[in-house]
Protein backbone atom coordinates (compact mmCIF):
# COMPACT_ATOMS: atom_id res chain seq x y z
CA MET A 1 -3.94 -8.64 22.53
CA LYS A 2 -7.26 -6.78 22.23
CA ASN A 3 -5.44 -3.60 21.16
CA PHE A 4 -3.53 -5.61 18.55
CA TRP A 5 -6.71 -6.37 16.60
CA ILE A 6 -8.04 -2.83 17.08
CA TYR A 7 -4.89 -1.41 15.46
CA VAL A 8 -5.08 -3.95 12.63
CA LYS A 9 -8.75 -3.10 11.98
CA ASN A 10 -8.07 0.64 12.08
CA GLY A 11 -5.49 0.34 9.30
CA ILE A 12 -7.83 -1.62 7.08
CA PHE A 13 -10.85 0.70 7.25
CA LYS A 14 -10.89 3.61 9.70
CA GLU A 15 -7.37 4.79 8.84
CA ASN A 16 -7.04 3.25 5.39
CA PRO A 17 -3.96 5.05 4.07
CA VAL A 18 -5.23 5.49 0.52
CA LEU A 19 -9.00 5.88 0.77
CA ILE A 20 -9.31 7.72 4.11
CA LEU A 21 -5.96 9.39 4.85
CA MET A 22 -5.38 10.00 1.10
CA ILE A 23 -1.61 9.51 1.28
CA GLY A 24 0.67 7.29 -0.79
CA LEU A 25 -1.50 7.74 -3.87
CA CYS A 26 1.42 8.01 -6.29
CA SER A 27 2.35 4.32 -6.37
CA VAL A 28 -1.28 3.19 -6.08
CA LEU A 29 -2.37 5.18 -9.12
CA ALA A 30 0.74 4.43 -11.17
CA VAL A 31 1.14 0.66 -10.85
CA SER A 32 -2.49 -0.47 -10.53
CA VAL A 33 -2.90 -1.05 -14.28
CA ASN A 34 -3.44 -4.75 -13.58
CA VAL A 35 -3.88 -7.11 -10.63
CA GLN A 36 -0.44 -8.73 -10.97
CA ASN A 37 1.39 -5.40 -10.62
CA ALA A 38 -0.91 -4.42 -7.74
CA ILE A 39 -0.17 -7.63 -5.82
CA GLY A 40 3.57 -7.25 -6.38
CA MET A 41 3.56 -3.64 -5.19
CA GLY A 42 1.33 -4.55 -2.25
CA LEU A 43 3.66 -7.31 -1.07
CA ALA A 44 6.73 -5.08 -1.43
CA PHE A 45 4.97 -2.32 0.52
CA THR A 46 3.87 -4.77 3.23
CA PHE A 47 7.39 -6.06 3.83
CA VAL A 48 8.81 -2.56 4.17
CA MET A 49 5.88 -1.25 6.24
CA VAL A 50 5.83 -4.04 8.84
CA PHE A 51 9.59 -4.32 9.32
CA SER A 52 10.09 -0.54 9.36
CA ASN A 53 7.45 -0.16 12.07
CA LEU A 54 9.05 -3.01 14.00
CA PHE A 55 12.56 -1.53 13.92
CA VAL A 56 11.48 2.08 14.49
CA SER A 57 9.64 0.89 17.60
CA LEU A 58 12.61 -1.20 18.76
CA LEU A 59 14.96 1.78 18.36
CA ARG A 60 12.63 4.48 19.65
CA LYS A 61 14.20 4.71 23.11
CA PHE A 62 17.66 5.10 21.57
CA THR A 63 16.63 7.53 18.83
CA PRO A 64 17.36 11.21 19.58
CA HIS A 65 14.29 13.30 18.81
CA ASP A 66 16.22 15.81 16.68
CA ILE A 67 17.49 13.21 14.20
CA ARG A 68 14.58 10.78 14.23
CA ILE A 69 13.48 11.42 10.60
CA PRO A 70 16.92 10.63 9.08
CA ILE A 71 17.02 7.48 11.23
CA PHE A 72 13.55 6.49 10.02
CA ILE A 73 14.67 6.97 6.41
CA VAL A 74 17.77 4.79 6.96
CA VAL A 75 15.59 2.03 8.47
CA ILE A 76 13.00 2.29 5.67
CA GLY A 77 15.76 2.51 3.05
CA THR A 78 17.33 -0.71 4.34
CA PHE A 79 14.12 -2.71 3.90
CA THR A 80 13.35 -1.03 0.57
CA THR A 81 16.79 -2.08 -0.70
CA ILE A 82 16.15 -5.67 0.39
CA VAL A 83 12.81 -5.72 -1.47
CA ASP A 84 14.35 -4.07 -4.53
CA LEU A 85 17.15 -6.64 -4.75
CA VAL A 86 14.88 -9.65 -4.11
CA ILE A 87 12.33 -8.63 -6.76
CA SER A 88 15.03 -7.82 -9.32
CA ALA A 89 16.66 -11.23 -8.70
CA TYR A 90 13.56 -13.43 -8.60
CA SER A 91 10.99 -11.60 -10.74
CA PRO A 92 12.62 -9.45 -13.42
CA THR A 93 9.30 -9.02 -15.27
CA LEU A 94 7.58 -7.62 -12.18
CA TYR A 95 10.66 -5.54 -11.40
CA LYS A 96 10.48 -3.98 -14.85
CA ALA A 97 6.71 -3.39 -14.59
CA LEU A 98 6.96 -1.66 -11.20
CA GLY A 99 10.00 0.34 -12.29
CA ILE A 100 10.96 3.32 -10.16
CA PHE A 101 8.10 2.77 -7.73
CA ILE A 102 9.96 0.05 -5.80
CA PRO A 103 12.91 2.31 -4.84
CA LEU A 104 10.44 5.12 -4.16
CA ILE A 105 8.95 3.09 -1.28
CA VAL A 106 11.74 4.66 0.80
CA VAL A 107 9.99 8.04 0.59
CA ASN A 108 6.42 6.73 0.65
CA CYS A 109 4.62 9.11 2.98
CA ILE A 110 2.49 6.28 4.41
CA ILE A 111 5.55 4.49 5.80
CA ILE A 112 7.33 7.62 7.00
CA GLY A 113 4.07 8.95 8.46
CA ARG A 114 3.34 5.76 10.39
CA ALA A 115 6.92 5.64 11.69
CA GLU A 116 6.56 9.19 13.00
CA ALA A 117 2.93 9.11 14.17
CA PHE A 118 2.74 5.57 15.50
CA ALA A 119 5.83 3.33 15.73
CA TYR A 120 7.97 6.02 17.38
CA LYS A 121 5.39 6.30 20.20
CA HIS A 122 4.12 2.73 20.67
CA SER A 123 5.33 -0.70 21.70
CA VAL A 124 6.75 -3.25 19.29
CA ILE A 125 3.59 -5.41 19.27
CA GLU A 126 1.32 -2.40 18.69
CA SER A 127 3.63 -1.15 15.94
CA ILE A 128 3.56 -4.54 14.21
CA ALA A 129 -0.26 -4.51 14.44
CA ASP A 130 -0.35 -1.03 12.93
CA GLY A 131 2.02 -2.10 10.15
CA ILE A 132 -0.12 -5.15 9.36
CA GLY A 133 -3.37 -3.15 9.38
CA ILE A 134 -2.02 -0.32 7.23
CA SER A 135 -0.53 -2.89 4.83
CA ILE A 136 -3.81 -4.80 4.50
CA GLY A 137 -5.60 -1.50 3.86
CA TYR A 138 -3.05 -0.56 1.19
CA VAL A 139 -3.05 -4.01 -0.43
CA TRP A 140 -6.82 -4.46 -0.68
CA THR A 141 -7.13 -0.96 -2.11
CA ILE A 142 -4.42 -1.33 -4.75
CA VAL A 143 -5.58 -4.85 -5.73
CA ALA A 144 -9.23 -3.74 -6.00
CA LEU A 145 -8.17 -0.75 -8.10
CA GLY A 146 -5.97 -3.01 -10.24
CA ALA A 147 -8.90 -5.41 -10.77
CA ILE A 148 -11.25 -2.57 -11.78
CA ARG A 149 -8.72 -1.07 -14.17
CA GLU A 150 -7.61 -4.37 -15.69
CA PHE A 151 -11.14 -5.66 -16.19
CA LEU A 152 -12.63 -2.46 -17.61
CA GLY A 153 -9.49 -1.42 -19.50
CA SER A 154 -8.38 -4.79 -20.92
CA GLY A 155 -11.28 -7.18 -20.36
CA THR A 156 -9.07 -9.54 -18.33
CA LEU A 157 -8.28 -10.46 -14.72
CA LEU A 158 -4.78 -11.77 -14.00
CA ASN A 159 -4.30 -11.77 -17.79
CA VAL A 160 -7.19 -14.24 -18.26
CA ASN A 161 -9.99 -13.19 -20.61
CA ILE A 162 -13.13 -13.15 -18.45
CA ILE A 163 -15.93 -12.16 -20.84
CA PRO A 164 -15.67 -13.13 -24.51
CA ASN A 165 -16.28 -10.27 -26.96
CA PHE A 166 -16.01 -7.68 -24.18
CA GLN A 167 -15.16 -4.27 -25.58
CA PRO A 168 -12.63 -2.78 -23.12
CA MET A 169 -12.60 0.90 -22.24
CA ARG A 170 -8.93 1.70 -22.79
CA VAL A 171 -9.20 4.88 -20.74
CA PHE A 172 -9.11 2.71 -17.59
CA ILE A 173 -5.53 1.61 -18.24
CA MET A 174 -4.55 5.25 -18.71
CA PRO A 175 -4.04 7.83 -15.92
CA PRO A 176 -7.64 9.16 -15.93
CA GLY A 177 -8.89 5.61 -15.31
CA ALA A 178 -6.81 5.43 -12.13
CA PHE A 179 -8.51 8.54 -10.76
CA TRP A 180 -11.96 7.30 -11.72
CA GLY A 181 -11.26 3.94 -10.10
CA ILE A 182 -9.98 5.45 -6.87
CA GLY A 183 -13.00 7.77 -6.78
CA LEU A 184 -15.27 4.75 -7.16
CA LEU A 185 -13.53 2.94 -4.29
CA ILE A 186 -13.74 6.01 -2.03
CA ALA A 187 -17.47 6.36 -2.79
CA LEU A 188 -18.01 2.64 -2.12
CA LEU A 189 -16.17 2.79 1.23
CA LYS A 190 -18.17 5.88 2.28
CA TRP A 191 -21.41 4.18 1.28
CA VAL A 192 -20.58 0.98 3.21
CA ASP A 193 -19.52 3.07 6.23
CA SER A 194 -22.81 5.01 6.17
CA LYS A 195 -24.78 1.72 6.09
CA ILE A 196 -22.78 0.29 9.01
CA ARG A 197 -23.28 3.43 11.14
CA ARG A 198 -27.10 3.32 10.82
């Protein structure tokens, strides 16, 4: 059980997929225009990440090494399809806002990378822990970026006006704002890490 929490913690900070490993940036930068989109994408990612890790680990002893990547993609594709259908059925507005980035979860390099580097080599419990940790790391990053961009770019949080007469900086809801926001989060994480290590 001790290793479980170590793997969870690693995914949140030490191996944060976006801010440390710098993978899976496409969806993070594209859909983080506001907090609502970020939460929706984060939950979709979490479902696919955790269940893909679980099933890749369950099947690892029966998976021939030479065809492991196609098998990983079939597993990931199955859970991505489930998420895609559920969101389109129950939240058409969110489905429209996230657009192509829901189906593209199937080729998200974070999920494929963790299947290859971790779930294929570890037990089911450890793989679930890794999936949870990586998901938390992804979710807090995309939600924080969404909050920064929505607040500075629109003057709102969750579509609620926070500061009356606030003059938004529209650049933050455009692509350059995504890069500035992610740079700010990376700098903040590095700064916090340097303080902790002292």
